Amino acid sequence: MKKNVFLMAGILLLSLLLLPGLSGCRAVSSLIATPTPTATSTPTATPSPTPTPTPKFFAIQSKDFDQGENCFEPTVLEISQEAGRSDLSIKVVSGSLTIKKNRFVVFCYEAKHVWIGTAVYEGYTFISDKDNPLQFQVTRDRGYVYLHGKGTVKMPNGTVVDLP
């Protein structure tokens, strides 16, 4: 009987020690992690950058703009035409013109052309802005490539291309 009394007293003592911990005692409850809600910030919109206009790629694919010759040096030409005339005026801005087989080589590879005013060549009409004229370059593999400037090119088939 003495054993039972000691056993009962031990169980009672043990339950008195553990019972407060199970019902919220700080010593026991501090070992258990409880989530604490945190305030989340509202995301702010990042302003998108202002788009930069991309130059329009345009190239004329025609043998009229390719004489199949290399330039001897980097060449820049201004091409213009007086109103009512069919002939073109060519001014050498830098570099030089080459003569081959008794002909000037105006459309040699890598030559740059600046079209002044309105000029017609082989059915193509170049209408350039007076302050920002159209500029093209003769290339071996991509044709007669628009570089920059503002204006319009009217193609022989009637297509009109407005360039920035």
Protein backbone atom coordinates (compact mmCIF):
# COMPACT_ATOMS: atom_id res chain seq x y z
CA MET A 1 0.00 0.00 0.00
CA LYS A 2 2.88 2.32 0.74
CA LYS A 3 4.11 1.78 -2.82
CA ASN A 4 0.76 2.81 -4.23
CA VAL A 5 0.65 5.95 -2.10
CA PHE A 6 4.13 6.97 -3.26
CA LEU A 7 3.20 6.19 -6.85
CA MET A 8 -0.02 8.20 -6.59
CA ALA A 9 1.81 11.09 -4.90
CA GLY A 10 4.48 11.06 -7.67
CA ILE A 11 1.87 11.06 -10.41
CA LEU A 12 0.01 13.91 -8.69
CA LEU A 13 3.20 15.90 -8.30
CA LEU A 14 4.21 15.28 -11.89
CA SER A 15 0.81 16.31 -13.20
CA LEU A 16 0.91 19.51 -11.13
CA LEU A 17 4.25 20.37 -12.70
CA LEU A 18 3.27 19.57 -16.28
CA LEU A 19 -0.36 20.72 -16.28
CA PRO A 20 0.42 24.48 -16.14
CA GLY A 21 2.86 24.07 -19.05
CA LEU A 22 0.25 22.38 -21.16
CA SER A 23 -2.29 25.12 -20.44
CA GLY A 24 0.00 28.04 -21.39
CA CYS A 25 2.87 28.24 -18.93
CA ARG A 26 5.53 30.57 -20.32
CA ALA A 27 8.38 28.17 -19.64
CA VAL A 28 6.92 25.49 -21.86
CA SER A 29 5.05 27.66 -24.32
CA SER A 30 8.13 29.77 -25.14
CA LEU A 31 9.69 26.70 -26.74
CA ILE A 32 6.86 26.54 -29.28
CA ALA A 33 7.19 29.03 -32.12
CA THR A 34 4.08 30.97 -33.02
CA PRO A 35 3.85 32.84 -36.29
CA THR A 36 3.57 36.60 -36.02
CA PRO A 37 1.80 38.35 -38.90
CA THR A 38 3.91 41.02 -40.59
CA ALA A 39 2.65 43.90 -42.65
CA THR A 40 3.41 43.59 -46.37
CA SER A 41 4.09 46.70 -48.38
CA THR A 42 2.05 47.48 -51.46
CA PRO A 43 4.21 47.15 -54.59
CA THR A 44 4.73 50.39 -56.48
CA ALA A 45 4.64 50.49 -60.23
CA THR A 46 8.01 51.06 -61.88
CA PRO A 47 7.66 53.62 -64.66
CA SER A 48 8.50 52.13 -68.03
CA PRO A 49 11.22 53.87 -70.02
CA THR A 50 10.25 56.09 -72.89
CA PRO A 51 10.80 54.10 -76.08
CA THR A 52 13.43 55.37 -78.46
CA PRO A 53 12.30 55.21 -82.07
CA THR A 54 14.17 52.54 -83.94
CA PRO A 55 15.25 53.55 -87.40
CA LYS A 56 13.24 51.76 -90.04
CA PHE A 57 15.27 49.26 -92.09
CA PHE A 58 14.73 49.82 -95.75
CA ALA A 59 16.80 48.68 -98.70
CA ILE A 60 16.24 48.85 -102.42
CA GLN A 61 17.11 45.56 -104.10
CA SER A 62 17.91 46.61 -107.66
CA LYS A 63 20.88 46.36 -110.00
CA ASP A 64 20.23 50.02 -110.81
CA PHE A 65 21.99 50.82 -107.52
CA ASP A 66 24.88 48.36 -107.90
CA GLN A 67 27.65 48.77 -110.46
CA GLY A 68 29.50 45.76 -109.09
CA GLU A 69 32.59 47.75 -108.24
CA ASN A 70 34.47 48.59 -105.05
CA CYS A 71 35.18 52.22 -104.21
CA PHE A 72 38.87 53.12 -104.14
CA GLU A 73 38.28 55.07 -100.94
CA PRO A 74 35.35 55.97 -98.68
CA THR A 75 33.13 58.20 -100.79
CA VAL A 76 30.22 60.50 -99.92
CA LEU A 77 28.20 62.02 -102.75
CA GLU A 78 25.35 64.53 -102.78
CA ILE A 79 22.83 63.78 -105.51
CA SER A 80 20.34 66.40 -106.63
CA GLN A 81 18.22 67.32 -109.61
CA GLU A 82 16.93 70.64 -110.88
CA ALA A 83 13.17 70.81 -111.32
CA GLY A 84 12.09 69.90 -114.83
CA ARG A 85 15.44 68.34 -115.77
CA SER A 86 16.13 64.64 -116.24
CA ASP A 87 19.86 64.70 -115.50
CA LEU A 88 21.28 64.39 -112.00
CA SER A 89 23.92 66.57 -110.39
CA ILE A 90 26.55 64.76 -108.32
CA LYS A 91 28.76 66.59 -105.87
CA VAL A 92 31.70 64.77 -104.26
CA VAL A 93 31.60 65.62 -100.55
CA SER A 94 34.50 63.32 -99.65
CA GLY A 95 36.47 60.63 -101.41
CA SER A 96 36.50 60.43 -105.17
CA LEU A 97 34.65 59.15 -108.23
CA THR A 98 36.13 56.37 -110.29
CA ILE A 99 35.82 56.03 -114.04
CA LYS A 100 35.65 52.51 -115.45
CA LYS A 101 34.88 51.66 -119.07
CA ASN A 102 34.30 55.35 -119.78
CA ARG A 103 31.62 55.61 -117.05
CA PHE A 104 31.65 57.16 -113.61
CA VAL A 105 31.22 54.57 -110.89
CA VAL A 106 28.70 56.31 -108.65
CA PHE A 107 27.19 53.18 -107.09
CA CYS A 108 30.40 51.53 -105.88
CA TYR A 109 30.24 49.39 -102.76
CA GLU A 110 30.21 51.33 -99.49
CA ALA A 111 29.63 54.69 -101.21
CA LYS A 112 27.24 56.91 -99.24
CA HIS A 113 24.71 59.06 -101.05
CA VAL A 114 22.87 62.08 -99.70
CA TRP A 115 19.75 62.89 -101.74
CA ILE A 116 19.08 66.64 -101.84
CA GLY A 117 15.55 67.89 -102.60
CA THR A 118 13.57 65.81 -105.08
CA ALA A 119 15.46 63.64 -107.56
CA VAL A 120 14.43 60.80 -109.88
CA TYR A 121 16.77 57.96 -110.80
CA GLU A 122 15.73 54.88 -112.82
CA GLY A 123 12.06 55.34 -111.83
CA TYR A 124 12.79 55.83 -108.12
CA THR A 125 11.80 59.26 -106.76
CA PHE A 126 13.70 60.47 -103.69
CA ILE A 127 12.01 63.34 -101.84
CA SER A 128 14.25 64.54 -99.01
CA ASP A 129 13.60 66.82 -96.07
CA LYS A 130 15.64 70.00 -96.61
CA ASP A 131 17.07 69.93 -93.06
CA ASN A 132 17.52 66.16 -92.74
CA PRO A 133 18.06 64.67 -96.21
CA LEU A 134 17.79 60.97 -97.00
CA GLN A 135 21.06 59.06 -96.91
CA PHE A 136 21.75 55.65 -98.43
CA GLN A 137 24.73 53.33 -98.78
CA VAL A 138 25.58 50.88 -101.56
CA THR A 139 26.26 47.44 -100.08
CA ARG A 140 27.38 44.22 -101.69
CA ASP A 141 24.92 41.93 -99.93
CA ARG A 142 21.97 44.00 -98.65
CA GLY A 143 21.28 46.34 -101.56
CA TYR A 144 20.94 50.10 -101.47
CA VAL A 145 20.44 50.58 -97.73
CA TYR A 146 18.72 53.53 -96.05
CA LEU A 147 20.98 54.98 -93.34
CA HIS A 148 19.09 57.98 -91.97
CA GLY A 149 17.34 61.19 -92.85
CA LYS A 150 13.72 62.06 -93.42
CA GLY A 151 11.71 61.85 -96.60
CA THR A 152 9.88 59.63 -99.04
CA VAL A 153 10.91 57.15 -101.70
CA LYS A 154 8.44 56.42 -104.49
CA MET A 155 9.21 53.08 -106.14
CA PRO A 156 8.71 52.45 -109.89
CA ASN A 157 5.74 50.15 -109.07
CA GLY A 158 3.96 53.01 -107.25
CA THR A 159 4.79 51.93 -103.69
CA VAL A 160 5.50 54.91 -101.43
CA VAL A 161 7.88 54.46 -98.50
CA ASP A 162 7.94 57.18 -95.82
CA LEU A 163 11.20 57.21 -93.91
CA PRO A 164 11.60 58.73 -90.46
